[in-house]
Amino acid sequence: MVKTLALLALCATVAVANPIVLVKADLINNSGKTYQLQVDTDNRSCICLKNTQTAKILNRDAADMKLFSTSDCTGNFSQLGKGKTQINAQWVNSVSMGKSGVPSIGPYGCPNYFNR
């Protein structure tokens, strides 16, 4: 019992010491509807947007965000700086954001984020 309590206390301490930090970006469609993407800052995620109508993309706090015309974060990209907005973003079919210098994981599907 004492070992179990000690293990639980240790797990709780680690969880408090290492909280998950998210980076965020907003997708805004032509009618002004907004959907917020959230990605764990310790990883790098590729998110498919080809089925989501995007007029603007606002990079809230991702230090490294790349915009791709492909749906799988490959090929040429445009960098979107932290706090910057990409207008006329209809050409963007995927975004990669999160930790810099590591390969992207995903995408895992390609939903329409405004029809969820």
PDB file of N, CA and C in Angstrom:
ATOM      1  N   MET A   1       0.823  -1.192   0.000  1.00  0.00           N
ATOM      2  CA  MET A   1       0.000   0.000   0.000  1.00  0.00           C
ATOM      3  C   MET A   1       0.870   1.260   0.000  1.00  0.00           C
ATOM      4  N   VAL A   2       1.910   1.248   0.837  1.00  0.00           N
ATOM      5  CA  VAL A   2       2.803   2.399   0.931  1.00  0.00           C
ATOM      6  C   VAL A   2       3.530   2.604  -0.395  1.00  0.00           C
ATOM      7  N   LYS A   3       3.945   1.491  -1.030  1.00  0.00           N
ATOM      8  CA  LYS A   3       4.626   1.591  -2.333  1.00  0.00           C
ATOM      9  C   LYS A   3       3.690   2.183  -3.384  1.00  0.00           C
ATOM     10  N   THR A   4       2.436   1.765  -3.361  1.00  0.00           N
ATOM     11  CA  THR A   4       1.456   2.283  -4.317  1.00  0.00           C
ATOM     12  C   THR A   4       1.250   3.778  -4.127  1.00  0.00           C
ATOM     13  N   LEU A   5       1.124   4.216  -2.887  1.00  0.00           N
ATOM     14  CA  LEU A   5       0.952   5.648  -2.610  1.00  0.00           C
ATOM     15  C   LEU A   5       2.177   6.448  -3.024  1.00  0.00           C
ATOM     16  N   ALA A   6       3.364   5.902  -2.780  1.00  0.00           N
ATOM     17  CA  ALA A   6       4.600   6.584  -3.169  1.00  0.00           C
ATOM     18  C   ALA A   6       4.682   6.705  -4.689  1.00  0.00           C
ATOM     19  N   LEU A   7       4.299   5.632  -5.393  1.00  0.00           N
ATOM     20  CA  LEU A   7       4.310   5.656  -6.855  1.00  0.00           C
ATOM     21  C   LEU A   7       3.309   6.674  -7.391  1.00  0.00           C
ATOM     22  N   LEU A   8       2.133   6.723  -6.817  1.00  0.00           N
ATOM     23  CA  LEU A   8       1.131   7.708  -7.237  1.00  0.00           C
ATOM     24  C   LEU A   8       1.612   9.132  -6.977  1.00  0.00           C
ATOM     25  N   ALA A   9       2.242   9.364  -5.857  1.00  0.00           N
ATOM     26  CA  ALA A   9       2.772  10.692  -5.543  1.00  0.00           C
ATOM     27  C   ALA A   9       3.862  11.085  -6.526  1.00  0.00           C
ATOM     28  N   LEU A  10       4.719  10.128  -6.892  1.00  0.00           N
ATOM     29  CA  LEU A  10       5.782  10.396  -7.858  1.00  0.00           C
ATOM     30  C   LEU A  10       5.190  10.735  -9.225  1.00  0.00           C
ATOM     31  N   CYS A  11       4.194   9.972  -9.660  1.00  0.00           N
ATOM     32  CA  CYS A  11       3.534  10.247 -10.944  1.00  0.00           C
ATOM     33  C   CYS A  11       2.888  11.625 -10.945  1.00  0.00           C
ATOM     34  N   ALA A  12       2.239  11.986  -9.869  1.00  0.00           N
ATOM     35  CA  ALA A  12       1.601  13.307  -9.767  1.00  0.00           C
ATOM     36  C   ALA A  12       2.640  14.410  -9.822  1.00  0.00           C
ATOM     37  N   THR A  13       3.794  14.205  -9.180  1.00  0.00           N
ATOM     38  CA  THR A  13       4.862  15.199  -9.195  1.00  0.00           C
ATOM     39  C   THR A  13       5.407  15.376 -10.600  1.00  0.00           C
ATOM     40  N   VAL A  14       5.618  14.282 -11.313  1.00  0.00           N
ATOM     41  CA  VAL A  14       6.124  14.352 -12.691  1.00  0.00           C
ATOM     42  C   VAL A  14       5.104  15.048 -13.584  1.00  0.00           C
ATOM     43  N   ALA A  15       3.827  14.749 -13.429  1.00  0.00           N
ATOM     44  CA  ALA A  15       2.787  15.368 -14.241  1.00  0.00           C
ATOM     45  C   ALA A  15       2.729  16.874 -14.014  1.00  0.00           C
ATOM     46  N   VAL A  16       2.901  17.311 -12.773  1.00  0.00           N
ATOM     47  CA  VAL A  16       2.882  18.740 -12.467  1.00  0.00           C
ATOM     48  C   VAL A  16       4.149  19.406 -12.977  1.00  0.00           C
ATOM     49  N   ALA A  17       5.281  18.713 -12.883  1.00  0.00           N
ATOM     50  CA  ALA A  17       6.561  19.282 -13.305  1.00  0.00           C
ATOM     51  C   ALA A  17       6.675  19.368 -14.822  1.00  0.00           C
ATOM     52  N   ASN A  18       5.983  18.502 -15.546  1.00  0.00           N
ATOM     53  CA  ASN A  18       6.065  18.466 -17.007  1.00  0.00           C
ATOM     54  C   ASN A  18       4.690  18.587 -17.647  1.00  0.00           C
ATOM     55  N   PRO A  19       4.044  19.731 -17.510  1.00  0.00           N
ATOM     56  CA  PRO A  19       2.725  19.866 -18.124  1.00  0.00           C
ATOM     57  C   PRO A  19       2.842  19.912 -19.647  1.00  0.00           C
ATOM     58  N   ILE A  20       1.804  19.468 -20.312  1.00  0.00           N
ATOM     59  CA  ILE A  20       1.774  19.534 -21.778  1.00  0.00           C
ATOM     60  C   ILE A  20       1.534  20.983 -22.182  1.00  0.00           C
ATOM     61  N   VAL A  21       2.394  21.472 -23.046  1.00  0.00           N
ATOM     62  CA  VAL A  21       2.267  22.840 -23.542  1.00  0.00           C
ATOM     63  C   VAL A  21       1.793  22.761 -24.989  1.00  0.00           C
ATOM     64  N   LEU A  22       0.785  23.520 -25.308  1.00  0.00           N
ATOM     65  CA  LEU A  22       0.222  23.503 -26.653  1.00  0.00           C
ATOM     66  C   LEU A  22       0.555  24.783 -27.402  1.00  0.00           C
ATOM     67  N   VAL A  23       0.781  24.643 -28.705  1.00  0.00           N
ATOM     68  CA  VAL A  23       0.871  25.806 -29.575  1.00  0.00           C
ATOM     69  C   VAL A  23      -0.433  25.850 -30.367  1.00  0.00           C
ATOM     70  N   LYS A  24      -0.856  27.048 -30.709  1.00  0.00           N
ATOM     71  CA  LYS A  24      -2.176  27.213 -31.310  1.00  0.00           C
ATOM     72  C   LYS A  24      -2.127  28.042 -32.584  1.00  0.00           C
ATOM     73  N   ALA A  25      -3.059  27.715 -33.478  1.00  0.00           N
ATOM     74  CA  ALA A  25      -3.254  28.492 -34.701  1.00  0.00           C
ATOM     75  C   ALA A  25      -4.749  28.507 -34.988  1.00  0.00           C
ATOM     76  N   ASP A  26      -5.238  29.614 -35.540  1.00  0.00           N
ATOM     77  CA  ASP A  26      -6.650  29.737 -35.874  1.00  0.00           C
ATOM     78  C   ASP A  26      -6.853  29.613 -37.378  1.00  0.00           C
ATOM     79  N   LEU A  27      -7.848  28.806 -37.756  1.00  0.00           N
ATOM     80  CA  LEU A  27      -8.309  28.738 -39.138  1.00  0.00           C
ATOM     81  C   LEU A  27      -9.569  29.578 -39.212  1.00  0.00           C
ATOM     82  N   ILE A  28      -9.663  30.445 -40.203  1.00  0.00           N
ATOM     83  CA  ILE A  28     -10.836  31.311 -40.350  1.00  0.00           C
ATOM     84  C   ILE A  28     -11.357  31.140 -41.762  1.00  0.00           C
ATOM     85  N   ASN A  29     -12.652  30.801 -41.898  1.00  0.00           N
ATOM     86  CA  ASN A  29     -13.201  30.609 -43.235  1.00  0.00           C
ATOM     87  C   ASN A  29     -13.791  31.920 -43.770  1.00  0.00           C
ATOM     88  N   ASN A  30     -14.355  31.876 -44.984  1.00  0.00           N
ATOM     89  CA  ASN A  30     -14.870  33.085 -45.632  1.00  0.00           C
ATOM     90  C   ASN A  30     -15.986  33.760 -44.848  1.00  0.00           C
ATOM     91  N   SER A  31     -16.764  32.994 -44.087  1.00  0.00           N
ATOM     92  CA  SER A  31     -17.864  33.588 -43.330  1.00  0.00           C
ATOM     93  C   SER A  31     -17.433  34.063 -41.940  1.00  0.00           C
ATOM     94  N   GLY A  32     -16.126  33.924 -41.621  1.00  0.00           N
ATOM     95  CA  GLY A  32     -15.617  34.403 -40.341  1.00  0.00           C
ATOM     96  C   GLY A  32     -15.639  33.377 -39.221  1.00  0.00           C
ATOM     97  N   LYS A  33     -16.087  32.160 -39.513  1.00  0.00           N
ATOM     98  CA  LYS A  33     -16.098  31.094 -38.522  1.00  0.00           C
ATOM     99  C   LYS A  33     -14.650  30.697 -38.225  1.00  0.00           C
ATOM    100  N   THR A  34     -14.351  30.433 -36.937  1.00  0.00           N
ATOM    101  CA  THR A  34     -12.986  30.125 -36.524  1.00  0.00           C
ATOM    102  C   THR A  34     -12.895  28.740 -35.897  1.00  0.00           C
ATOM    103  N   TYR A  35     -11.823  28.031 -36.230  1.00  0.00           N
ATOM    104  CA  TYR A  35     -11.497  26.751 -35.596  1.00  0.00           C
ATOM    105  C   TYR A  35     -10.052  26.857 -35.119  1.00  0.00           C
ATOM    106  N   GLN A  36      -9.789  26.436 -33.882  1.00  0.00           N
ATOM    107  CA  GLN A  36      -8.441  26.538 -33.332  1.00  0.00           C
ATOM    108  C   GLN A  36      -7.731  25.190 -33.376  1.00  0.00           C
ATOM    109  N   LEU A  37      -6.595  25.154 -34.064  1.00  0.00           N
ATOM    110  CA  LEU A  37      -5.723  23.984 -34.063  1.00  0.00           C
ATOM    111  C   LEU A  37      -4.843  24.054 -32.821  1.00  0.00           C
ATOM    112  N   GLN A  38      -4.631  22.927 -32.165  1.00  0.00           N
ATOM    113  CA  GLN A  38      -3.767  22.862 -30.990  1.00  0.00           C
ATOM    114  C   GLN A  38      -2.833  21.671 -31.135  1.00  0.00           C
ATOM    115  N   VAL A  39      -1.539  21.916 -30.950  1.00  0.00           N
ATOM    116  CA  VAL A  39      -0.522  20.882 -31.135  1.00  0.00           C
ATOM    117  C   VAL A  39       0.431  20.913 -29.949  1.00  0.00           C
ATOM    118  N   ASP A  40       0.832  19.753 -29.475  1.00  0.00           N
ATOM    119  CA  ASP A  40       1.815  19.618 -28.405  1.00  0.00           C
ATOM    120  C   ASP A  40       3.148  20.198 -28.874  1.00  0.00           C
ATOM    121  N   THR A  41       3.706  21.116 -28.118  1.00  0.00           N
ATOM    122  CA  THR A  41       4.930  21.807 -28.507  1.00  0.00           C
ATOM    123  C   THR A  41       6.159  20.901 -28.519  1.00  0.00           C
ATOM    124  N   ASP A  42       6.099  19.730 -27.873  1.00  0.00           N
ATOM    125  CA  ASP A  42       7.238  18.809 -27.851  1.00  0.00           C
ATOM    126  C   ASP A  42       7.318  17.937 -29.095  1.00  0.00           C
ATOM    127  N   ASN A  43       6.311  17.982 -29.950  1.00  0.00           N
ATOM    128  CA  ASN A  43       6.273  17.195 -31.180  1.00  0.00           C
ATOM    129  C   ASN A  43       6.086  18.137 -32.366  1.00  0.00           C
ATOM    130  N   ARG A  44       6.070  17.585 -33.543  1.00  0.00           N
ATOM    131  CA  ARG A  44       5.771  18.353 -34.745  1.00  0.00           C
ATOM    132  C   ARG A  44       4.671  17.606 -35.486  1.00  0.00           C
ATOM    133  N   SER A  45       3.582  18.273 -35.748  1.00  0.00           N
ATOM    134  CA  SER A  45       2.428  17.626 -36.370  1.00  0.00           C
ATOM    135  C   SER A  45       2.149  18.205 -37.742  1.00  0.00           C
ATOM    136  N   CYS A  46       1.740  17.319 -38.652  1.00  0.00           N
ATOM    137  CA  CYS A  46       1.247  17.718 -39.962  1.00  0.00           C
ATOM    138  C   CYS A  46      -0.269  17.584 -39.915  1.00  0.00           C
ATOM    139  N   ILE A  47      -0.962  18.648 -40.276  1.00  0.00           N
ATOM    140  CA  ILE A  47      -2.422  18.664 -40.229  1.00  0.00           C
ATOM    141  C   ILE A  47      -2.943  18.957 -41.627  1.00  0.00           C
ATOM    142  N   CYS A  48      -3.750  18.047 -42.152  1.00  0.00           N
ATOM    143  CA  CYS A  48      -4.314  18.198 -43.493  1.00  0.00           C
ATOM    144  C   CYS A  48      -5.498  19.166 -43.458  1.00  0.00           C
ATOM    145  N   LEU A  49      -5.506  20.112 -44.387  1.00  0.00           N
ATOM    146  CA  LEU A  49      -6.585  21.104 -44.468  1.00  0.00           C
ATOM    147  C   LEU A  49      -7.298  21.089 -45.818  1.00  0.00           C
ATOM    148  N   LYS A  50      -6.997  20.125 -46.693  1.00  0.00           N
ATOM    149  CA  LYS A  50      -7.530  20.185 -48.058  1.00  0.00           C
ATOM    150  C   LYS A  50      -9.059  20.159 -48.109  1.00  0.00           C
ATOM    151  N   ASN A  51      -9.719  19.618 -47.084  1.00  0.00           N
ATOM    152  CA  ASN A  51     -11.187  19.589 -47.049  1.00  0.00           C
ATOM    153  C   ASN A  51     -11.780  20.712 -46.202  1.00  0.00           C
ATOM    154  N   THR A  52     -10.943  21.596 -45.693  1.00  0.00           N
ATOM    155  CA  THR A  52     -11.380  22.707 -44.851  1.00  0.00           C
ATOM    156  C   THR A  52     -11.163  24.009 -45.596  1.00  0.00           C
ATOM    157  N   GLN A  53     -12.217  24.772 -45.788  1.00  0.00           N
ATOM    158  CA  GLN A  53     -12.102  26.053 -46.485  1.00  0.00           C
ATOM    159  C   GLN A  53     -11.434  27.057 -45.555  1.00  0.00           C
ATOM    160  N   THR A  54     -10.258  27.532 -45.934  1.00  0.00           N
ATOM    161  CA  THR A  54      -9.517  28.476 -45.099  1.00  0.00           C
ATOM    162  C   THR A  54      -9.266  29.763 -45.865  1.00  0.00           C
ATOM    163  N   ALA A  55      -9.800  30.844 -45.350  1.00  0.00           N
ATOM    164  CA  ALA A  55      -9.541  32.158 -45.931  1.00  0.00           C
ATOM    165  C   ALA A  55      -8.318  32.785 -45.281  1.00  0.00           C
ATOM    166  N   LYS A  56      -8.161  32.564 -43.968  1.00  0.00           N
ATOM    167  CA  LYS A  56      -7.037  33.113 -43.214  1.00  0.00           C
ATOM    168  C   LYS A  56      -6.527  32.061 -42.241  1.00  0.00           C
ATOM    169  N   ILE A  57      -5.232  32.126 -41.967  1.00  0.00           N
ATOM    170  CA  ILE A  57      -4.615  31.300 -40.928  1.00  0.00           C
ATOM    171  C   ILE A  57      -3.824  32.233 -40.032  1.00  0.00           C
ATOM    172  N   LEU A  58      -4.115  32.209 -38.741  1.00  0.00           N
ATOM    173  CA  LEU A  58      -3.416  33.035 -37.755  1.00  0.00           C
ATOM    174  C   LEU A  58      -2.541  32.135 -36.889  1.00  0.00           C
ATOM    175  N   ASN A  59      -1.236  32.366 -36.945  1.00  0.00           N
ATOM    176  CA  ASN A  59      -0.291  31.628 -36.109  1.00  0.00           C
ATOM    177  C   ASN A  59      -0.240  32.332 -34.764  1.00  0.00           C
ATOM    178  N   ARG A  60      -0.931  31.801 -33.779  1.00  0.00           N
ATOM    179  CA  ARG A  60      -0.980  32.444 -32.461  1.00  0.00           C
ATOM    180  C   ARG A  60       0.368  32.413 -31.757  1.00  0.00           C
ATOM    181  N   ASP A  61       0.961  31.224 -31.629  1.00  0.00           N
ATOM    182  CA  ASP A  61       2.186  31.146 -30.835  1.00  0.00           C
ATOM    183  C   ASP A  61       3.156  30.046 -31.241  1.00  0.00           C
ATOM    184  N   ALA A  62       3.013  29.486 -32.432  1.00  0.00           N
ATOM    185  CA  ALA A  62       3.957  28.463 -32.891  1.00  0.00           C
ATOM    186  C   ALA A  62       5.219  29.145 -33.417  1.00  0.00           C
ATOM    187  N   ALA A  63       6.344  28.808 -32.830  1.00  0.00           N
ATOM    188  CA  ALA A  63       7.604  29.410 -33.263  1.00  0.00           C
ATOM    189  C   ALA A  63       7.960  28.966 -34.677  1.00  0.00           C
ATOM    190  N   ASP A  64       7.520  27.783 -35.080  1.00  0.00           N
ATOM    191  CA  ASP A  64       7.860  27.247 -36.391  1.00  0.00           C
ATOM    192  C   ASP A  64       6.610  26.668 -37.044  1.00  0.00           C
ATOM    193  N   MET A  65       6.003  27.415 -37.962  1.00  0.00           N
ATOM    194  CA  MET A  65       4.806  26.965 -38.666  1.00  0.00           C
ATOM    195  C   MET A  65       5.044  27.075 -40.160  1.00  0.00           C
ATOM    196  N   LYS A  66       4.784  25.960 -40.862  1.00  0.00           N
ATOM    197  CA  LYS A  66       4.982  25.926 -42.300  1.00  0.00           C
ATOM    198  C   LYS A  66       3.654  25.631 -42.976  1.00  0.00           C
ATOM    199  N   LEU A  67       3.398  26.307 -44.095  1.00  0.00           N
ATOM    200  CA  LEU A  67       2.173  26.140 -44.880  1.00  0.00           C
ATOM    201  C   LEU A  67       2.526  25.459 -46.192  1.00  0.00           C
ATOM    202  N   PHE A  68       1.789  24.416 -46.546  1.00  0.00           N
ATOM    203  CA  PHE A  68       2.057  23.625 -47.745  1.00  0.00           C
ATOM    204  C   PHE A  68       0.848  23.617 -48.668  1.00  0.00           C
ATOM    205  N   SER A  69       1.105  23.526 -49.972  1.00  0.00           N
ATOM    206  CA  SER A  69       0.005  23.362 -50.930  1.00  0.00           C
ATOM    207  C   SER A  69      -0.370  21.885 -51.062  1.00  0.00           C
ATOM    208  N   THR A  70       0.506  20.985 -50.623  1.00  0.00           N
ATOM    209  CA  THR A  70       0.199  19.553 -50.637  1.00  0.00           C
ATOM    210  C   THR A  70      -0.592  19.188 -49.383  1.00  0.00           C
ATOM    211  N   SER A  71      -1.216  18.025 -49.397  1.00  0.00           N
ATOM    212  CA  SER A  71      -2.034  17.625 -48.246  1.00  0.00           C
ATOM    213  C   SER A  71      -1.260  16.821 -47.209  1.00  0.00           C
ATOM    214  N   ASP A  72       0.065  16.612 -47.428  1.00  0.00           N
ATOM    215  CA  ASP A  72       0.845  15.786 -46.508  1.00  0.00           C
ATOM    216  C   ASP A  72       2.141  16.456 -46.026  1.00  0.00           C
ATOM    217  N   CYS A  73       2.189  17.779 -46.058  1.00  0.00           N
ATOM    218  CA  CYS A  73       3.340  18.552 -45.553  1.00  0.00           C
ATOM    219  C   CYS A  73       4.645  18.198 -46.257  1.00  0.00           C
ATOM    220  N   THR A  74       4.579  17.988 -47.553  1.00  0.00           N
ATOM    221  CA  THR A  74       5.793  17.729 -48.328  1.00  0.00           C
ATOM    222  C   THR A  74       5.937  18.791 -49.405  1.00  0.00           C
ATOM    223  N   GLY A  75       7.155  18.949 -49.886  1.00  0.00           N
ATOM    224  CA  GLY A  75       7.419  19.892 -50.969  1.00  0.00           C
ATOM    225  C   GLY A  75       7.699  21.294 -50.466  1.00  0.00           C
ATOM    226  N   ASN A  76       7.506  22.254 -51.341  1.00  0.00           N
ATOM    227  CA  ASN A  76       7.759  23.655 -51.008  1.00  0.00           C
ATOM    228  C   ASN A  76       6.762  24.152 -49.975  1.00  0.00           C
ATOM    229  N   PHE A  77       7.207  25.105 -49.166  1.00  0.00           N
ATOM    230  CA  PHE A  77       6.342  25.648 -48.119  1.00  0.00           C
ATOM    231  C   PHE A  77       6.591  27.132 -47.964  1.00  0.00           C
ATOM    232  N   SER A  78       5.658  27.760 -47.283  1.00  0.00           N
ATOM    233  CA  SER A  78       5.776  29.165 -46.907  1.00  0.00           C
ATOM    234  C   SER A  78       5.793  29.213 -45.382  1.00  0.00           C
ATOM    235  N   GLN A  79       6.755  29.934 -44.834  1.00  0.00           N
ATOM    236  CA  GLN A  79       6.870  30.066 -43.380  1.00  0.00           C
ATOM    237  C   GLN A  79       5.868  31.109 -42.888  1.00  0.00           C
ATOM    238  N   LEU A  80       5.165  30.821 -41.797  1.00  0.00           N
ATOM    239  CA  LEU A  80       4.256  31.788 -41.181  1.00  0.00           C
ATOM    240  C   LEU A  80       4.761  32.072 -39.773  1.00  0.00           C
ATOM    241  N   GLY A  81       5.253  33.279 -39.560  1.00  0.00           N
ATOM    242  CA  GLY A  81       5.851  33.658 -38.284  1.00  0.00           C
ATOM    243  C   GLY A  81       4.847  33.727 -37.145  1.00  0.00           C
ATOM    244  N   LYS A  82       5.367  33.623 -35.947  1.00  0.00           N
ATOM    245  CA  LYS A  82       4.569  33.697 -34.720  1.00  0.00           C
ATOM    246  C   LYS A  82       3.844  35.035 -34.667  1.00  0.00           C
ATOM    247  N   GLY A  83       2.517  34.990 -34.457  1.00  0.00           N
ATOM    248  CA  GLY A  83       1.710  36.198 -34.382  1.00  0.00           C
ATOM    249  C   GLY A  83       1.296  36.757 -35.730  1.00  0.00           C
ATOM    250  N   LYS A  84       1.677  36.105 -36.815  1.00  0.00           N
ATOM    251  CA  LYS A  84       1.378  36.583 -38.171  1.00  0.00           C
ATOM    252  C   LYS A  84       0.133  35.888 -38.726  1.00  0.00           C
ATOM    253  N   THR A  85      -0.483  36.538 -39.728  1.00  0.00           N
ATOM    254  CA  THR A  85      -1.672  35.996 -40.380  1.00  0.00           C
ATOM    255  C   THR A  85      -1.413  35.821 -41.869  1.00  0.00           C
ATOM    256  N   GLN A  86      -1.793  34.668 -42.395  1.00  0.00           N
ATOM    257  CA  GLN A  86      -1.743  34.425 -43.842  1.00  0.00           C
ATOM    258  C   GLN A  86      -3.150  34.669 -44.377  1.00  0.00           C
ATOM    259  N   ILE A  87      -3.299  35.714 -45.204  1.00  0.00           N
ATOM    260  CA  ILE A  87      -4.588  35.953 -45.841  1.00  0.00           C
ATOM    261  C   ILE A  87      -4.586  35.244 -47.188  1.00  0.00           C
ATOM    262  N   ASN A  88      -5.750  35.122 -47.805  1.00  0.00           N
ATOM    263  CA  ASN A  88      -5.883  34.386 -49.068  1.00  0.00           C
ATOM    264  C   ASN A  88      -5.247  32.999 -48.944  1.00  0.00           C
ATOM    265  N   ALA A  89      -5.624  32.278 -47.901  1.00  0.00           N
ATOM    266  CA  ALA A  89      -5.002  30.990 -47.583  1.00  0.00           C
ATOM    267  C   ALA A  89      -5.703  29.804 -48.234  1.00  0.00           C
ATOM    268  N   GLN A  90      -6.485  30.043 -49.277  1.00  0.00           N
ATOM    269  CA  GLN A  90      -7.203  28.960 -49.934  1.00  0.00           C
ATOM    270  C   GLN A  90      -6.251  27.927 -50.540  1.00  0.00           C
ATOM    271  N   TRP A  91      -5.023  28.323 -50.854  1.00  0.00           N
ATOM    272  CA  TRP A  91      -4.037  27.415 -51.453  1.00  0.00           C
ATOM    273  C   TRP A  91      -3.420  26.461 -50.435  1.00  0.00           C
ATOM    274  N   VAL A  92      -3.603  26.716 -49.139  1.00  0.00           N
ATOM    275  CA  VAL A  92      -2.969  25.906 -48.097  1.00  0.00           C
ATOM    276  C   VAL A  92      -3.764  24.610 -47.904  1.00  0.00           C
ATOM    277  N   ASN A  93      -3.102  23.475 -48.166  1.00  0.00           N
ATOM    278  CA  ASN A  93      -3.744  22.176 -48.003  1.00  0.00           C
ATOM    279  C   ASN A  93      -3.229  21.398 -46.794  1.00  0.00           C
ATOM    280  N   SER A  94      -2.151  21.877 -46.166  1.00  0.00           N
ATOM    281  CA  SER A  94      -1.674  21.286 -44.921  1.00  0.00           C
ATOM    282  C   SER A  94      -0.756  22.267 -44.211  1.00  0.00           C
ATOM    283  N   VAL A  95      -0.657  22.093 -42.891  1.00  0.00           N
ATOM    284  CA  VAL A  95       0.245  22.906 -42.072  1.00  0.00           C
ATOM    285  C   VAL A  95       1.071  21.974 -41.199  1.00  0.00           C
ATOM    286  N   SER A  96       2.298  22.399 -40.941  1.00  0.00           N
ATOM    287  CA  SER A  96       3.186  21.678 -40.040  1.00  0.00           C
ATOM    288  C   SER A  96       3.568  22.654 -38.942  1.00  0.00           C
ATOM    289  N   MET A  97       3.366  22.251 -37.701  1.00  0.00           N
ATOM    290  CA  MET A  97       3.672  23.142 -36.583  1.00  0.00           C
ATOM    291  C   MET A  97       4.090  22.339 -35.366  1.00  0.00           C
ATOM    292  N   GLY A  98       4.848  22.992 -34.497  1.00  0.00           N
ATOM    293  CA  GLY A  98       5.341  22.360 -33.289  1.00  0.00           C
ATOM    294  C   GLY A  98       6.840  22.513 -33.186  1.00  0.00           C
ATOM    295  N   LYS A  99       7.493  21.515 -32.628  1.00  0.00           N
ATOM    296  CA  LYS A  99       8.930  21.550 -32.376  1.00  0.00           C
ATOM    297  C   LYS A  99       9.713  21.634 -33.683  1.00  0.00           C
ATOM    298  N   SER A 100      10.662  22.528 -33.722  1.00  0.00           N
ATOM    299  CA  SER A 100      11.494  22.716 -34.899  1.00  0.00           C
ATOM    300  C   SER A 100      12.590  21.650 -34.963  1.00  0.00           C
ATOM    301  N   GLY A 101      12.957  21.252 -36.180  1.00  0.00           N
ATOM    302  CA  GLY A 101      14.080  20.345 -36.368  1.00  0.00           C
ATOM    303  C   GLY A 101      13.760  18.868 -36.269  1.00  0.00           C
ATOM    304  N   VAL A 102      12.494  18.522 -36.125  1.00  0.00           N
ATOM    305  CA  VAL A 102      12.101  17.108 -36.080  1.00  0.00           C
ATOM    306  C   VAL A 102      11.086  16.842 -37.190  1.00  0.00           C
ATOM    307  N   PRO A 103      11.014  15.608 -37.696  1.00  0.00           N
ATOM    308  CA  PRO A 103      10.046  15.304 -38.748  1.00  0.00           C
ATOM    309  C   PRO A 103       8.607  15.416 -38.237  1.00  0.00           C
ATOM    310  N   SER A 104       7.710  15.774 -39.129  1.00  0.00           N
ATOM    311  CA  SER A 104       6.286  15.846 -38.789  1.00  0.00           C
ATOM    312  C   SER A 104       5.696  14.456 -38.660  1.00  0.00           C
ATOM    313  N   ILE A 105       4.733  14.323 -37.739  1.00  0.00           N
ATOM    314  CA  ILE A 105       3.934  13.102 -37.658  1.00  0.00           C
ATOM    315  C   ILE A 105       2.559  13.418 -38.230  1.00  0.00           C
ATOM    316  N   GLY A 106       1.960  12.455 -38.865  1.00  0.00           N
ATOM    317  CA  GLY A 106       0.659  12.669 -39.480  1.00  0.00           C
ATOM    318  C   GLY A 106       0.813  13.031 -40.946  1.00  0.00           C
ATOM    319  N   PRO A 107      -0.247  13.415 -41.597  1.00  0.00           N
ATOM    320  CA  PRO A 107      -1.574  13.644 -41.025  1.00  0.00           C
ATOM    321  C   PRO A 107      -2.340  12.343 -40.817  1.00  0.00           C
ATOM    322  N   TYR A 108      -3.245  12.371 -39.878  1.00  0.00           N
ATOM    323  CA  TYR A 108      -4.104  11.235 -39.587  1.00  0.00           C
ATOM    324  C   TYR A 108      -5.517  11.585 -40.022  1.00  0.00           C
ATOM    325  N   GLY A 109      -5.757  11.503 -41.314  1.00  0.00           N
ATOM    326  CA  GLY A 109      -7.053  11.864 -41.862  1.00  0.00           C
ATOM    327  C   GLY A 109      -7.050  13.294 -42.351  1.00  0.00           C
ATOM    328  N   CYS A 110      -8.152  13.658 -42.975  1.00  0.00           N
ATOM    329  CA  CYS A 110      -8.257  14.998 -43.526  1.00  0.00           C
ATOM    330  C   CYS A 110      -9.699  15.497 -43.390  1.00  0.00           C
ATOM    331  N   PRO A 111     -10.117  15.806 -42.154  1.00  0.00           N
ATOM    332  CA  PRO A 111     -11.508  16.229 -41.936  1.00  0.00           C
ATOM    333  C   PRO A 111     -11.744  17.672 -42.374  1.00  0.00           C
ATOM    334  N   ASN A 112     -13.004  18.023 -42.458  1.00  0.00           N
ATOM    335  CA  ASN A 112     -13.386  19.415 -42.620  1.00  0.00           C
ATOM    336  C   ASN A 112     -13.610  19.942 -41.202  1.00  0.00           C
ATOM    337  N   TYR A 113     -12.700  20.766 -40.713  1.00  0.00           N
ATOM    338  CA  TYR A 113     -12.758  21.212 -39.326  1.00  0.00           C
ATOM    339  C   TYR A 113     -13.971  22.080 -39.014  1.00  0.00           C
ATOM    340  N   PHE A 114     -14.612  22.650 -40.014  1.00  0.00           N
ATOM    341  CA  PHE A 114     -15.798  23.469 -39.774  1.00  0.00           C
ATOM    342  C   PHE A 114     -17.087  22.645 -39.782  1.00  0.00           C
ATOM    343  N   ASN A 115     -17.003  21.366 -40.103  1.00  0.00           N
ATOM    344  CA  ASN A 115     -18.179  20.483 -40.075  1.00  0.00           C
ATOM    345  C   ASN A 115     -18.032  19.426 -38.995  1.00  0.00           C
ATOM    346  N   ARG A 116     -17.489  19.781 -37.859  1.00  0.00           N
ATOM    347  CA  ARG A 116     -17.277  18.818 -36.763  1.00  0.00           C
ATOM    348  C   ARG A 116     -18.335  18.998 -35.713  1.00  0.00           C
TER     349      ARG A 116
END
